[in-house]
């Protein structure tokens, strides 16, 4: 096929939030050796969404490529009740 489309979910599923803290940073890492066997050829990301149930208040996605940090998404006011699909 000349073009395929798919959905890929990447993220941390096992983490613990400390009680009585104003905020906490959770960092999920997906190293390139994790995805290089399933993502063959060029990949074009067209959109992204954040999903944190009721635990999250803000979230961002950053890609590290060739020692450069690329911010893909930045949602400073996350709401479980009105999820945003960020078109890239």
PDB file of N, CA and C in Angstrom:
ATOM      1  N   UNK A   1       0.839  -1.186   0.000  1.00  0.00           N
ATOM      2  CA  UNK A   1       0.000   0.000   0.000  1.00  0.00           C
ATOM      3  C   UNK A   1       0.876   1.238   0.000  1.00  0.00           C
ATOM      4  N   UNK A   2       0.509   2.229  -0.748  1.00  0.00           N
ATOM      5  CA  UNK A   2       1.336   3.432  -0.776  1.00  0.00           C
ATOM      6  C   UNK A   2       1.314   4.211   0.539  1.00  0.00           C
ATOM      7  N   UNK A   3       0.176   4.170   1.261  1.00  0.00           N
ATOM      8  CA  UNK A   3       0.083   4.907   2.526  1.00  0.00           C
ATOM      9  C   UNK A   3      -0.732   4.099   3.524  1.00  0.00           C
ATOM     10  N   UNK A   4      -0.268   4.072   4.747  1.00  0.00           N
ATOM     11  CA  UNK A   4      -0.978   3.423   5.840  1.00  0.00           C
ATOM     12  C   UNK A   4      -1.181   4.434   6.956  1.00  0.00           C
ATOM     13  N   UNK A   5      -2.198   4.219   7.748  1.00  0.00           N
ATOM     14  CA  UNK A   5      -2.432   5.049   8.935  1.00  0.00           C
ATOM     15  C   UNK A   5      -2.670   4.118  10.114  1.00  0.00           C
ATOM     16  N   UNK A   6      -2.263   4.552  11.277  1.00  0.00           N
ATOM     17  CA  UNK A   6      -2.422   3.729  12.468  1.00  0.00           C
ATOM     18  C   UNK A   6      -2.420   4.624  13.695  1.00  0.00           C
ATOM     19  N   UNK A   7      -2.768   4.041  14.813  1.00  0.00           N
ATOM     20  CA  UNK A   7      -2.744   4.730  16.098  1.00  0.00           C
ATOM     21  C   UNK A   7      -1.738   4.019  16.977  1.00  0.00           C
ATOM     22  N   UNK A   8      -0.860   4.775  17.600  1.00  0.00           N
ATOM     23  CA  UNK A   8       0.152   4.216  18.492  1.00  0.00           C
ATOM     24  C   UNK A   8       0.030   4.903  19.840  1.00  0.00           C
ATOM     25  N   UNK A   9      -0.117   4.111  20.878  1.00  0.00           N
ATOM     26  CA  UNK A   9      -0.198   4.642  22.234  1.00  0.00           C
ATOM     27  C   UNK A   9       1.114   4.367  22.944  1.00  0.00           C
ATOM     28  N   UNK A  10       1.737   5.423  23.432  1.00  0.00           N
ATOM     29  CA  UNK A  10       2.996   5.304  24.166  1.00  0.00           C
ATOM     30  C   UNK A  10       2.831   6.076  25.465  1.00  0.00           C
ATOM     31  N   UNK A  11       3.253   5.477  26.554  1.00  0.00           N
ATOM     32  CA  UNK A  11       3.175   6.213  27.805  1.00  0.00           C
ATOM     33  C   UNK A  11       3.422   5.341  29.012  1.00  0.00           C
ATOM     34  N   UNK A  12       3.492   5.985  30.146  1.00  0.00           N
ATOM     35  CA  UNK A  12       3.690   5.297  31.414  1.00  0.00           C
ATOM     36  C   UNK A  12       2.337   4.885  31.973  1.00  0.00           C
ATOM     37  N   UNK A  13       2.245   3.657  32.443  1.00  0.00           N
ATOM     38  CA  UNK A  13       0.994   3.190  33.036  1.00  0.00           C
ATOM     39  C   UNK A  13       1.142   2.874  34.518  1.00  0.00           C
ATOM     40  N   UNK A  14       2.347   2.686  34.972  1.00  0.00           N
ATOM     41  CA  UNK A  14       2.583   2.356  36.378  1.00  0.00           C
ATOM     42  C   UNK A  14       3.395   3.456  37.048  1.00  0.00           C
ATOM     43  N   UNK A  15       2.717   4.352  37.726  1.00  0.00           N
ATOM     44  CA  UNK A  15       3.408   5.383  38.490  1.00  0.00           C
ATOM     45  C   UNK A  15       2.563   5.721  39.712  1.00  0.00           C
ATOM     46  N   UNK A  16       3.205   6.295  40.699  1.00  0.00           N
ATOM     47  CA  UNK A  16       2.538   6.642  41.950  1.00  0.00           C
ATOM     48  C   UNK A  16       2.677   8.134  42.205  1.00  0.00           C
ATOM     49  N   UNK A  17       1.570   8.766  42.518  1.00  0.00           N
ATOM     50  CA  UNK A  17       1.592  10.178  42.884  1.00  0.00           C
ATOM     51  C   UNK A  17       1.692  10.283  44.397  1.00  0.00           C
ATOM     52  N   UNK A  18       2.582  11.132  44.866  1.00  0.00           N
ATOM     53  CA  UNK A  18       2.765  11.324  46.302  1.00  0.00           C
ATOM     54  C   UNK A  18       1.588  12.110  46.875  1.00  0.00           C
ATOM     55  N   UNK A  19       1.109  11.743  48.059  1.00  0.00           N
ATOM     56  CA  UNK A  19      -0.004  12.485  48.662  1.00  0.00           C
ATOM     57  C   UNK A  19       0.452  13.855  49.172  1.00  0.00           C
ATOM     58  N   UNK A  20      -0.487  14.765  49.242  1.00  0.00           N
ATOM     59  CA  UNK A  20      -0.270  16.095  49.829  1.00  0.00           C
ATOM     60  C   UNK A  20       0.805  16.917  49.126  1.00  0.00           C
ATOM     61  N   UNK A  21       0.944  16.752  47.831  1.00  0.00           N
ATOM     62  CA  UNK A  21       1.906  17.565  47.072  1.00  0.00           C
ATOM     63  C   UNK A  21       1.137  18.476  46.136  1.00  0.00           C
ATOM     64  N   UNK A  22       1.611  19.694  46.011  1.00  0.00           N
ATOM     65  CA  UNK A  22       0.982  20.656  45.105  1.00  0.00           C
ATOM     66  C   UNK A  22       1.104  20.200  43.646  1.00  0.00           C
ATOM     67  N   UNK A  23       2.280  19.693  43.301  1.00  0.00           N
ATOM     68  CA  UNK A  23       2.492  19.193  41.940  1.00  0.00           C
ATOM     69  C   UNK A  23       3.587  18.137  41.959  1.00  0.00           C
ATOM     70  N   UNK A  24       3.610  17.361  40.912  1.00  0.00           N
ATOM     71  CA  UNK A  24       4.617  16.313  40.793  1.00  0.00           C
ATOM     72  C   UNK A  24       4.884  16.074  39.313  1.00  0.00           C
ATOM     73  N   UNK A  25       6.123  15.855  38.971  1.00  0.00           N
ATOM     74  CA  UNK A  25       6.497  15.602  37.584  1.00  0.00           C
ATOM     75  C   UNK A  25       6.697  14.110  37.384  1.00  0.00           C
ATOM     76  N   UNK A  26       6.008  13.570  36.394  1.00  0.00           N
ATOM     77  CA  UNK A  26       6.170  12.172  36.000  1.00  0.00           C
ATOM     78  C   UNK A  26       6.745  12.193  34.590  1.00  0.00           C
ATOM     79  N   UNK A  27       7.846  11.513  34.392  1.00  0.00           N
ATOM     80  CA  UNK A  27       8.480  11.510  33.082  1.00  0.00           C
ATOM     81  C   UNK A  27       8.487  10.093  32.536  1.00  0.00           C
ATOM     82  N   UNK A  28       7.849   9.916  31.396  1.00  0.00           N
ATOM     83  CA  UNK A  28       7.873   8.630  30.716  1.00  0.00           C
ATOM     84  C   UNK A  28       8.875   8.688  29.583  1.00  0.00           C
ATOM     85  N   UNK A  29       9.626   7.643  29.413  1.00  0.00           N
ATOM     86  CA  UNK A  29      10.654   7.600  28.371  1.00  0.00           C
ATOM     87  C   UNK A  29      10.410   6.384  27.494  1.00  0.00           C
ATOM     88  N   UNK A  30      10.436   6.603  26.209  1.00  0.00           N
ATOM     89  CA  UNK A  30      10.345   5.509  25.245  1.00  0.00           C
ATOM     90  C   UNK A  30      11.581   5.610  24.357  1.00  0.00           C
ATOM     91  N   UNK A  31      12.645   4.876  24.687  1.00  0.00           N
ATOM     92  CA  UNK A  31      13.884   4.983  23.912  1.00  0.00           C
ATOM     93  C   UNK A  31      13.711   4.451  22.491  1.00  0.00           C
ATOM     94  N   UNK A  32      14.581   4.915  21.595  1.00  0.00           N
ATOM     95  CA  UNK A  32      14.447   4.514  20.194  1.00  0.00           C
ATOM     96  C   UNK A  32      14.563   3.011  19.992  1.00  0.00           C
ATOM     97  N   UNK A  33      15.299   2.307  20.839  1.00  0.00           N
ATOM     98  CA  UNK A  33      15.374   0.854  20.649  1.00  0.00           C
ATOM     99  C   UNK A  33      14.060   0.171  21.032  1.00  0.00           C
ATOM    100  N   UNK A  34      13.163   0.887  21.684  1.00  0.00           N
ATOM    101  CA  UNK A  34      11.841   0.366  22.032  1.00  0.00           C
ATOM    102  C   UNK A  34      10.927   0.337  20.803  1.00  0.00           C
ATOM    103  N   UNK A  35      11.060   1.312  19.944  1.00  0.00           N
ATOM    104  CA  UNK A  35      10.133   1.438  18.816  1.00  0.00           C
ATOM    105  C   UNK A  35      10.739   1.118  17.453  1.00  0.00           C
ATOM    106  N   UNK A  36      12.055   1.022  17.350  1.00  0.00           N
ATOM    107  CA  UNK A  36      12.658   0.883  16.017  1.00  0.00           C
ATOM    108  C   UNK A  36      12.278  -0.419  15.315  1.00  0.00           C
ATOM    109  N   UNK A  37      11.891  -1.436  16.055  1.00  0.00           N
ATOM    110  CA  UNK A  37      11.503  -2.695  15.424  1.00  0.00           C
ATOM    111  C   UNK A  37      10.059  -2.701  14.941  1.00  0.00           C
ATOM    112  N   UNK A  38       9.231  -1.792  15.455  1.00  0.00           N
ATOM    113  CA  UNK A  38       7.844  -1.760  14.996  1.00  0.00           C
ATOM    114  C   UNK A  38       7.539  -0.562  14.108  1.00  0.00           C
ATOM    115  N   UNK A  39       8.350   0.482  14.187  1.00  0.00           N
ATOM    116  CA  UNK A  39       8.146   1.661  13.352  1.00  0.00           C
ATOM    117  C   UNK A  39       9.176   1.656  12.235  1.00  0.00           C
ATOM    118  N   UNK A  40       8.817   1.050  11.134  1.00  0.00           N
ATOM    119  CA  UNK A  40       9.734   0.914  10.001  1.00  0.00           C
ATOM    120  C   UNK A  40       9.451   2.023   8.989  1.00  0.00           C
ATOM    121  N   UNK A  41      10.489   2.630   8.485  1.00  0.00           N
ATOM    122  CA  UNK A  41      10.335   3.685   7.499  1.00  0.00           C
ATOM    123  C   UNK A  41       9.992   5.010   8.144  1.00  0.00           C
ATOM    124  N   UNK A  42       9.753   6.024   7.323  1.00  0.00           N
ATOM    125  CA  UNK A  42       9.431   7.339   7.884  1.00  0.00           C
ATOM    126  C   UNK A  42       8.048   7.324   8.545  1.00  0.00           C
ATOM    127  N   UNK A  43       7.945   8.018   9.668  1.00  0.00           N
ATOM    128  CA  UNK A  43       6.695   8.124  10.415  1.00  0.00           C
ATOM    129  C   UNK A  43       6.305   9.598  10.460  1.00  0.00           C
ATOM    130  N   UNK A  44       5.066   9.893  10.157  1.00  0.00           N
ATOM    131  CA  UNK A  44       4.556  11.254  10.196  1.00  0.00           C
ATOM    132  C   UNK A  44       3.469  11.329  11.265  1.00  0.00           C
ATOM    133  N   UNK A  45       3.739  12.072  12.316  1.00  0.00           N
ATOM    134  CA  UNK A  45       2.771  12.241  13.393  1.00  0.00           C
ATOM    135  C   UNK A  45       1.833  13.374  12.991  1.00  0.00           C
ATOM    136  N   UNK A  46       0.536  13.090  12.947  1.00  0.00           N
ATOM    137  CA  UNK A  46      -0.435  14.093  12.514  1.00  0.00           C
ATOM    138  C   UNK A  46      -1.218  14.711  13.666  1.00  0.00           C
ATOM    139  N   UNK A  47      -1.309  13.984  14.785  1.00  0.00           N
ATOM    140  CA  UNK A  47      -2.015  14.529  15.942  1.00  0.00           C
ATOM    141  C   UNK A  47      -1.592  13.779  17.194  1.00  0.00           C
ATOM    142  N   UNK A  48      -1.904  14.372  18.335  1.00  0.00           N
ATOM    143  CA  UNK A  48      -1.574  13.752  19.621  1.00  0.00           C
ATOM    144  C   UNK A  48      -2.640  14.154  20.625  1.00  0.00           C
ATOM    145  N   UNK A  49      -2.815  13.329  21.641  1.00  0.00           N
ATOM    146  CA  UNK A  49      -3.742  13.653  22.714  1.00  0.00           C
ATOM    147  C   UNK A  49      -3.159  13.196  24.037  1.00  0.00           C
ATOM    148  N   UNK A  50      -3.500  13.891  25.078  1.00  0.00           N
ATOM    149  CA  UNK A  50      -3.039  13.539  26.425  1.00  0.00           C
ATOM    150  C   UNK A  50      -4.149  12.786  27.133  1.00  0.00           C
ATOM    151  N   UNK A  51      -3.767  11.819  27.969  1.00  0.00           N
ATOM    152  CA  UNK A  51      -4.768  11.047  28.711  1.00  0.00           C
ATOM    153  C   UNK A  51      -4.223  10.744  30.093  1.00  0.00           C
ATOM    154  N   UNK A  52      -4.827  11.345  31.100  1.00  0.00           N
ATOM    155  CA  UNK A  52      -4.321  11.186  32.467  1.00  0.00           C
ATOM    156  C   UNK A  52      -5.429  10.919  33.473  1.00  0.00           C
ATOM    157  N   UNK A  53      -6.602  10.488  33.004  1.00  0.00           N
ATOM    158  CA  UNK A  53      -7.758  10.314  33.896  1.00  0.00           C
ATOM    159  C   UNK A  53      -7.961  11.606  34.687  1.00  0.00           C
ATOM    160  N   UNK A  54      -8.256  11.517  35.961  1.00  0.00           N
ATOM    161  CA  UNK A  54      -8.473  12.709  36.789  1.00  0.00           C
ATOM    162  C   UNK A  54      -7.221  13.125  37.551  1.00  0.00           C
ATOM    163  N   UNK A  55      -6.115  12.421  37.354  1.00  0.00           N
ATOM    164  CA  UNK A  55      -4.899  12.679  38.130  1.00  0.00           C
ATOM    165  C   UNK A  55      -4.079  13.846  37.599  1.00  0.00           C
ATOM    166  N   UNK A  56      -4.206  14.176  36.326  1.00  0.00           N
ATOM    167  CA  UNK A  56      -3.326  15.180  35.742  1.00  0.00           C
ATOM    168  C   UNK A  56      -3.958  16.544  35.610  1.00  0.00           C
ATOM    169  N   UNK A  57      -3.110  17.571  35.621  1.00  0.00           N
ATOM    170  CA  UNK A  57      -3.560  18.949  35.419  1.00  0.00           C
ATOM    171  C   UNK A  57      -2.917  19.589  34.200  1.00  0.00           C
ATOM    172  N   UNK A  58      -1.708  19.153  33.852  1.00  0.00           N
ATOM    173  CA  UNK A  58      -1.051  19.675  32.659  1.00  0.00           C
ATOM    174  C   UNK A  58      -0.101  18.605  32.135  1.00  0.00           C
ATOM    175  N   UNK A  59       0.184  18.675  30.839  1.00  0.00           N
ATOM    176  CA  UNK A  59       1.036  17.651  30.236  1.00  0.00           C
ATOM    177  C   UNK A  59       1.669  18.201  28.968  1.00  0.00           C
ATOM    178  N   UNK A  60       2.848  17.692  28.681  1.00  0.00           N
ATOM    179  CA  UNK A  60       3.505  18.022  27.420  1.00  0.00           C
ATOM    180  C   UNK A  60       4.211  16.777  26.901  1.00  0.00           C
ATOM    181  N   UNK A  61       4.451  16.767  25.605  1.00  0.00           N
ATOM    182  CA  UNK A  61       5.184  15.677  24.960  1.00  0.00           C
ATOM    183  C   UNK A  61       6.380  16.296  24.255  1.00  0.00           C
ATOM    184  N   UNK A  62       7.558  15.752  24.534  1.00  0.00           N
ATOM    185  CA  UNK A  62       8.797  16.229  23.928  1.00  0.00           C
ATOM    186  C   UNK A  62       9.528  15.045  23.318  1.00  0.00           C
ATOM    187  N   UNK A  63      10.040  15.240  22.128  1.00  0.00           N
ATOM    188  CA  UNK A  63      10.830  14.214  21.443  1.00  0.00           C
ATOM    189  C   UNK A  63      12.285  14.655  21.456  1.00  0.00           C
ATOM    190  N   UNK A  64      13.166  13.717  21.751  1.00  0.00           N
ATOM    191  CA  UNK A  64      14.600  13.996  21.650  1.00  0.00           C
ATOM    192  C   UNK A  64      15.104  13.304  20.395  1.00  0.00           C
ATOM    193  N   UNK A  65      15.605  14.103  19.470  1.00  0.00           N
ATOM    194  CA  UNK A  65      16.124  13.562  18.217  1.00  0.00           C
ATOM    195  C   UNK A  65      17.456  14.227  17.920  1.00  0.00           C
ATOM    196  N   UNK A  66      18.482  13.415  17.767  1.00  0.00           N
ATOM    197  CA  UNK A  66      19.828  13.933  17.464  1.00  0.00           C
ATOM    198  C   UNK A  66      20.250  15.008  18.466  1.00  0.00           C
ATOM    199  N   UNK A  67      20.073  14.739  19.741  1.00  0.00           N
ATOM    200  CA  UNK A  67      20.434  15.649  20.832  1.00  0.00           C
ATOM    201  C   UNK A  67      19.666  16.970  20.819  1.00  0.00           C
ATOM    202  N   UNK A  68      18.558  17.025  20.084  1.00  0.00           N
ATOM    203  CA  UNK A  68      17.689  18.202  20.091  1.00  0.00           C
ATOM    204  C   UNK A  68      16.366  17.828  20.749  1.00  0.00           C
ATOM    205  N   UNK A  69      15.813  18.731  21.568  1.00  0.00           N
ATOM    206  CA  UNK A  69      14.503  18.524  22.165  1.00  0.00           C
ATOM    207  C   UNK A  69      13.454  19.249  21.330  1.00  0.00           C
ATOM    208  N   UNK A  70      12.432  18.524  20.905  1.00  0.00           N
ATOM    209  CA  UNK A  70      11.363  19.075  20.084  1.00  0.00           C
ATOM    210  C   UNK A  70      10.066  18.953  20.875  1.00  0.00           C
ATOM    211  N   UNK A  71       9.447  20.075  21.213  1.00  0.00           N
ATOM    212  CA  UNK A  71       8.174  20.048  21.921  1.00  0.00           C
ATOM    213  C   UNK A  71       7.064  19.766  20.919  1.00  0.00           C
ATOM    214  N   UNK A  72       6.379  18.651  21.110  1.00  0.00           N
ATOM    215  CA  UNK A  72       5.297  18.249  20.209  1.00  0.00           C
ATOM    216  C   UNK A  72       3.970  18.810  20.709  1.00  0.00           C
ATOM    217  N   UNK A  73       3.725  18.697  22.012  1.00  0.00           N
ATOM    218  CA  UNK A  73       2.493  19.220  22.596  1.00  0.00           C
ATOM    219  C   UNK A  73       2.804  19.913  23.909  1.00  0.00           C
ATOM    220  N   UNK A  74       1.938  20.834  24.267  1.00  0.00           N
ATOM    221  CA  UNK A  74       2.026  21.489  25.572  1.00  0.00           C
ATOM    222  C   UNK A  74       0.606  21.900  25.952  1.00  0.00           C
ATOM    223  N   UNK A  75       0.026  21.195  26.901  1.00  0.00           N
ATOM    224  CA  UNK A  75      -1.348  21.473  27.337  1.00  0.00           C
ATOM    225  C   UNK A  75      -1.302  21.887  28.811  1.00  0.00           C
ATOM    226  N   UNK A  76      -1.227  23.198  29.085  1.00  0.00           N
ATOM    227  CA  UNK A  76      -1.061  23.658  30.467  1.00  0.00           C
ATOM    228  C   UNK A  76      -2.321  23.541  31.319  1.00  0.00           C
ATOM    229  N   UNK A  77      -3.476  23.333  30.702  1.00  0.00           N
ATOM    230  CA  UNK A  77      -4.723  23.195  31.466  1.00  0.00           C
ATOM    231  C   UNK A  77      -5.484  21.965  30.993  1.00  0.00           C
ATOM    232  N   UNK A  78      -4.988  20.791  31.333  1.00  0.00           N
ATOM    233  CA  UNK A  78      -5.608  19.527  30.941  1.00  0.00           C
ATOM    234  C   UNK A  78      -6.927  19.324  31.680  1.00  0.00           C
ATOM    235  N   UNK A  79      -7.931  18.837  30.979  1.00  0.00           N
ATOM    236  CA  UNK A  79      -9.204  18.470  31.595  1.00  0.00           C
ATOM    237  C   UNK A  79      -9.639  17.110  31.066  1.00  0.00           C
ATOM    238  N   UNK A  80      -9.856  16.185  31.963  1.00  0.00           N
ATOM    239  CA  UNK A  80     -10.343  14.852  31.597  1.00  0.00           C
ATOM    240  C   UNK A  80     -11.695  14.951  30.892  1.00  0.00           C
ATOM    241  N   UNK A  81     -12.500  15.927  31.269  1.00  0.00           N
ATOM    242  CA  UNK A  81     -13.856  16.055  30.746  1.00  0.00           C
ATOM    243  C   UNK A  81     -13.924  16.716  29.377  1.00  0.00           C
ATOM    244  N   UNK A  82     -12.867  17.352  28.945  1.00  0.00           N
ATOM    245  CA  UNK A  82     -12.835  17.928  27.597  1.00  0.00           C
ATOM    246  C   UNK A  82     -11.447  17.718  26.992  1.00  0.00           C
ATOM    247  N   UNK A  83     -11.149  16.473  26.614  1.00  0.00           N
ATOM    248  CA  UNK A  83      -9.820  16.181  26.063  1.00  0.00           C
ATOM    249  C   UNK A  83      -9.589  16.923  24.749  1.00  0.00           C
ATOM    250  N   UNK A  84      -8.369  17.353  24.567  1.00  0.00           N
ATOM    251  CA  UNK A  84      -7.988  18.081  23.363  1.00  0.00           C
ATOM    252  C   UNK A  84      -7.219  17.158  22.424  1.00  0.00           C
ATOM    253  N   UNK A  85      -7.565  17.186  21.168  1.00  0.00           N
ATOM    254  CA  UNK A  85      -6.768  16.519  20.143  1.00  0.00           C
ATOM    255  C   UNK A  85      -5.927  17.609  19.506  1.00  0.00           C
ATOM    256  N   UNK A  86      -4.631  17.468  19.614  1.00  0.00           N
ATOM    257  CA  UNK A  86      -3.717  18.486  19.120  1.00  0.00           C
ATOM    258  C   UNK A  86      -3.277  18.082  17.718  1.00  0.00           C
ATOM    259  N   UNK A  87      -3.681  18.863  16.735  1.00  0.00           N
ATOM    260  CA  UNK A  87      -3.314  18.597  15.352  1.00  0.00           C
ATOM    261  C   UNK A  87      -1.959  19.221  15.087  1.00  0.00           C
ATOM    262  N   UNK A  88      -1.074  18.446  14.515  1.00  0.00           N
ATOM    263  CA  UNK A  88       0.291  18.916  14.272  1.00  0.00           C
ATOM    264  C   UNK A  88       0.478  19.324  12.826  1.00  0.00           C
TER     265      UNK A  88
END
